[in-house]
Amino acid sequence: MKINKLVVAILVLLVLAAPIANAGELWGVVNLASKHVGADKQLNESNPGLGIEYAQSEAVTYMAGAYRNSHNRRSRYAFGAYTPVQYKDFSFGVAAGAATGYTGGHDSKVLPVAAGLIRWRGENAGVNVLIIPKSRNADVTFGLQAVFKF
């Protein structure tokens, strides 16, 4: 299995930076599922995977990981998230970055990705819902992740 060097570098930086940062929190991510609204073909909606998040503040988070995508291929991602709107344990904003595994082949291209982001955070666990706008495969795609604090 070939691992994207960018994702590995980001994961290493996150792990090394976490103990130094005063306000930061390190979270584990379990990718769970997706729902494709208006899809014109059958897509994989069971998307297991693992990742990591480093929350620099309540509004700024860095995310990286790997999962089985909607085309049943391995994807790797690295995102930055900005969730400036806070309401109780919920926050709302955007995530942007890059992902692999959507163009096929072993040398899958790195593609830009942007999504809306709704988060719920408890003391030690939470949920991310990513809202990916219209693509060639669906009108909108919802992604579901469970998160837990280290």
Protein backbone atom coordinates (compact mmCIF):
# COMPACT_ATOMS: atom_id res chain seq x y z
CA MET A 1 0.00 0.00 0.00
CA LYS A 2 1.51 3.30 -1.12
CA ILE A 3 0.91 6.13 1.34
CA ASN A 4 0.78 9.73 0.23
CA LYS A 5 3.88 11.49 1.62
CA LEU A 6 1.94 14.71 2.26
CA VAL A 7 -0.57 12.95 4.53
CA VAL A 8 2.23 11.19 6.44
CA ALA A 9 4.11 14.48 6.88
CA ILE A 10 0.97 16.23 8.18
CA LEU A 11 0.25 13.40 10.62
CA VAL A 12 3.81 13.50 11.95
CA LEU A 13 3.68 17.28 12.36
CA LEU A 14 0.34 17.08 14.16
CA VAL A 15 1.60 14.45 16.60
CA LEU A 16 4.84 16.35 17.28
CA ALA A 17 3.14 19.75 17.59
CA ALA A 18 0.35 18.66 19.92
CA PRO A 19 2.36 18.56 23.19
CA ILE A 20 3.83 22.03 22.54
CA ALA A 21 0.59 23.81 21.76
CA ASN A 22 -1.15 25.42 24.72
CA ALA A 23 -4.68 25.64 23.35
CA GLY A 24 -4.58 22.61 21.05
CA GLU A 25 -6.41 19.32 21.34
CA LEU A 26 -5.70 16.08 19.51
CA TRP A 27 -8.69 14.03 18.31
CA GLY A 28 -8.92 10.63 16.63
CA VAL A 29 -11.31 10.27 13.70
CA VAL A 30 -13.29 7.23 12.57
CA ASN A 31 -14.77 7.67 9.11
CA LEU A 32 -18.14 5.93 8.98
CA ALA A 33 -20.47 6.54 6.07
CA SER A 34 -21.74 8.80 3.32
CA LYS A 35 -25.10 9.51 1.72
CA HIS A 36 -25.27 10.59 -1.93
CA VAL A 37 -28.39 12.57 -2.77
CA GLY A 38 -29.37 12.51 -6.45
CA ALA A 39 -26.69 9.97 -7.43
CA ASP A 40 -27.04 8.63 -10.95
CA LYS A 41 -25.36 5.31 -10.09
CA GLN A 42 -24.85 3.00 -7.13
CA LEU A 43 -22.04 4.32 -4.93
CA ASN A 44 -20.37 2.82 -1.86
CA GLU A 45 -21.87 4.49 1.22
CA SER A 46 -19.90 2.52 3.81
CA ASN A 47 -16.63 4.44 4.13
CA PRO A 48 -14.47 3.02 6.94
CA GLY A 49 -11.25 4.81 7.73
CA LEU A 50 -9.08 6.45 10.36
CA GLY A 51 -7.70 9.93 10.78
CA ILE A 52 -6.51 12.55 13.18
CA GLU A 53 -7.51 16.13 13.94
CA TYR A 54 -5.52 18.82 15.64
CA ALA A 55 -7.77 21.58 17.01
CA GLN A 56 -5.61 24.69 17.21
CA SER A 57 -8.57 26.61 18.65
CA GLU A 58 -12.35 26.27 18.83
CA ALA A 59 -12.58 27.54 15.25
CA VAL A 60 -9.43 26.22 13.51
CA THR A 61 -8.69 22.53 12.98
CA TYR A 62 -6.29 20.53 10.80
CA MET A 63 -7.45 17.10 9.61
CA ALA A 64 -5.73 14.17 7.86
CA GLY A 65 -6.47 10.51 7.31
CA ALA A 66 -7.49 7.71 4.95
CA TYR A 67 -10.78 5.94 4.17
CA ARG A 68 -12.55 3.73 1.62
CA ASN A 69 -14.30 6.18 -0.73
CA SER A 70 -17.58 6.08 -2.64
CA HIS A 71 -15.88 4.40 -5.63
CA ASN A 72 -14.56 1.65 -3.33
CA ARG A 73 -10.99 2.98 -3.55
CA ARG A 74 -8.61 4.10 -0.80
CA SER A 75 -8.56 7.88 -0.36
CA ARG A 76 -6.19 10.01 1.66
CA TYR A 77 -7.07 13.53 2.75
CA ALA A 78 -5.58 16.61 4.34
CA PHE A 79 -7.92 19.50 5.21
CA GLY A 80 -8.01 22.68 7.17
CA ALA A 81 -11.33 23.53 8.82
CA TYR A 82 -12.71 26.86 9.95
CA THR A 83 -15.88 26.78 12.08
CA PRO A 84 -16.44 30.34 13.33
CA VAL A 85 -20.15 29.97 14.17
CA GLN A 86 -20.62 28.39 17.60
CA TYR A 87 -23.93 27.43 19.23
CA LYS A 88 -23.74 25.44 22.48
CA ASP A 89 -21.82 22.22 21.60
CA PHE A 90 -22.26 22.76 17.83
CA SER A 91 -20.07 24.64 15.39
CA PHE A 92 -20.59 25.47 11.73
CA GLY A 93 -18.17 26.37 8.96
CA VAL A 94 -16.11 24.99 6.09
CA ALA A 95 -13.34 22.48 5.41
CA ALA A 96 -10.99 22.71 2.44
CA GLY A 97 -7.96 20.78 1.31
CA ALA A 98 -7.07 17.85 -0.91
CA ALA A 99 -7.97 14.18 -1.37
CA THR A 100 -6.76 11.29 -3.50
CA GLY A 101 -8.45 8.16 -4.84
CA TYR A 102 -11.16 9.65 -7.04
CA THR A 103 -9.50 9.48 -10.46
CA GLY A 104 -8.47 5.82 -10.37
CA GLY A 105 -5.20 4.05 -10.95
CA HIS A 106 -2.24 3.71 -8.63
CA ASP A 107 -1.05 7.28 -9.27
CA SER A 108 -4.31 8.90 -8.28
CA LYS A 109 -4.25 12.65 -8.66
CA VAL A 110 -4.58 14.97 -5.70
CA LEU A 111 -7.87 16.82 -6.09
CA PRO A 112 -9.04 19.98 -4.31
CA VAL A 113 -11.99 19.50 -1.98
CA ALA A 114 -14.28 22.02 -0.27
CA ALA A 115 -17.18 21.15 2.02
CA GLY A 116 -19.53 22.62 4.55
CA LEU A 117 -18.90 21.33 8.07
CA ILE A 118 -21.24 20.83 11.03
CA ARG A 119 -19.64 19.60 14.25
CA TRP A 120 -20.91 18.47 17.60
CA ARG A 121 -18.38 18.16 20.39
CA GLY A 122 -18.88 16.63 23.81
CA GLU A 123 -16.18 16.49 26.45
CA ASN A 124 -14.41 13.44 24.97
CA ALA A 125 -16.32 12.51 21.81
CA GLY A 126 -18.12 14.14 18.91
CA VAL A 127 -19.43 13.97 15.36
CA ASN A 128 -18.46 15.66 12.10
CA VAL A 129 -20.90 16.00 9.20
CA LEU A 130 -19.29 17.10 5.94
CA ILE A 131 -21.55 18.50 3.23
CA ILE A 132 -19.91 18.20 -0.17
CA PRO A 133 -21.60 20.24 -2.92
CA LYS A 134 -22.71 18.98 -6.33
CA SER A 135 -20.24 16.78 -8.13
CA ARG A 136 -20.41 14.67 -11.27
CA ASN A 137 -21.70 11.77 -9.11
CA ALA A 138 -24.36 13.37 -6.87
CA ASP A 139 -26.27 16.57 -6.22
CA VAL A 140 -24.90 16.65 -2.67
CA THR A 141 -22.96 14.18 -0.53
CA PHE A 142 -23.05 13.97 3.27
CA GLY A 143 -20.09 12.39 5.07
CA LEU A 144 -20.24 11.16 8.68
CA GLN A 145 -17.28 10.87 11.08
CA ALA A 146 -17.08 10.00 14.78
CA VAL A 147 -14.30 11.70 16.76
CA PHE A 148 -12.74 11.04 20.15
CA LYS A 149 -10.28 13.04 22.23
CA PHE A 150 -6.86 11.58 22.99
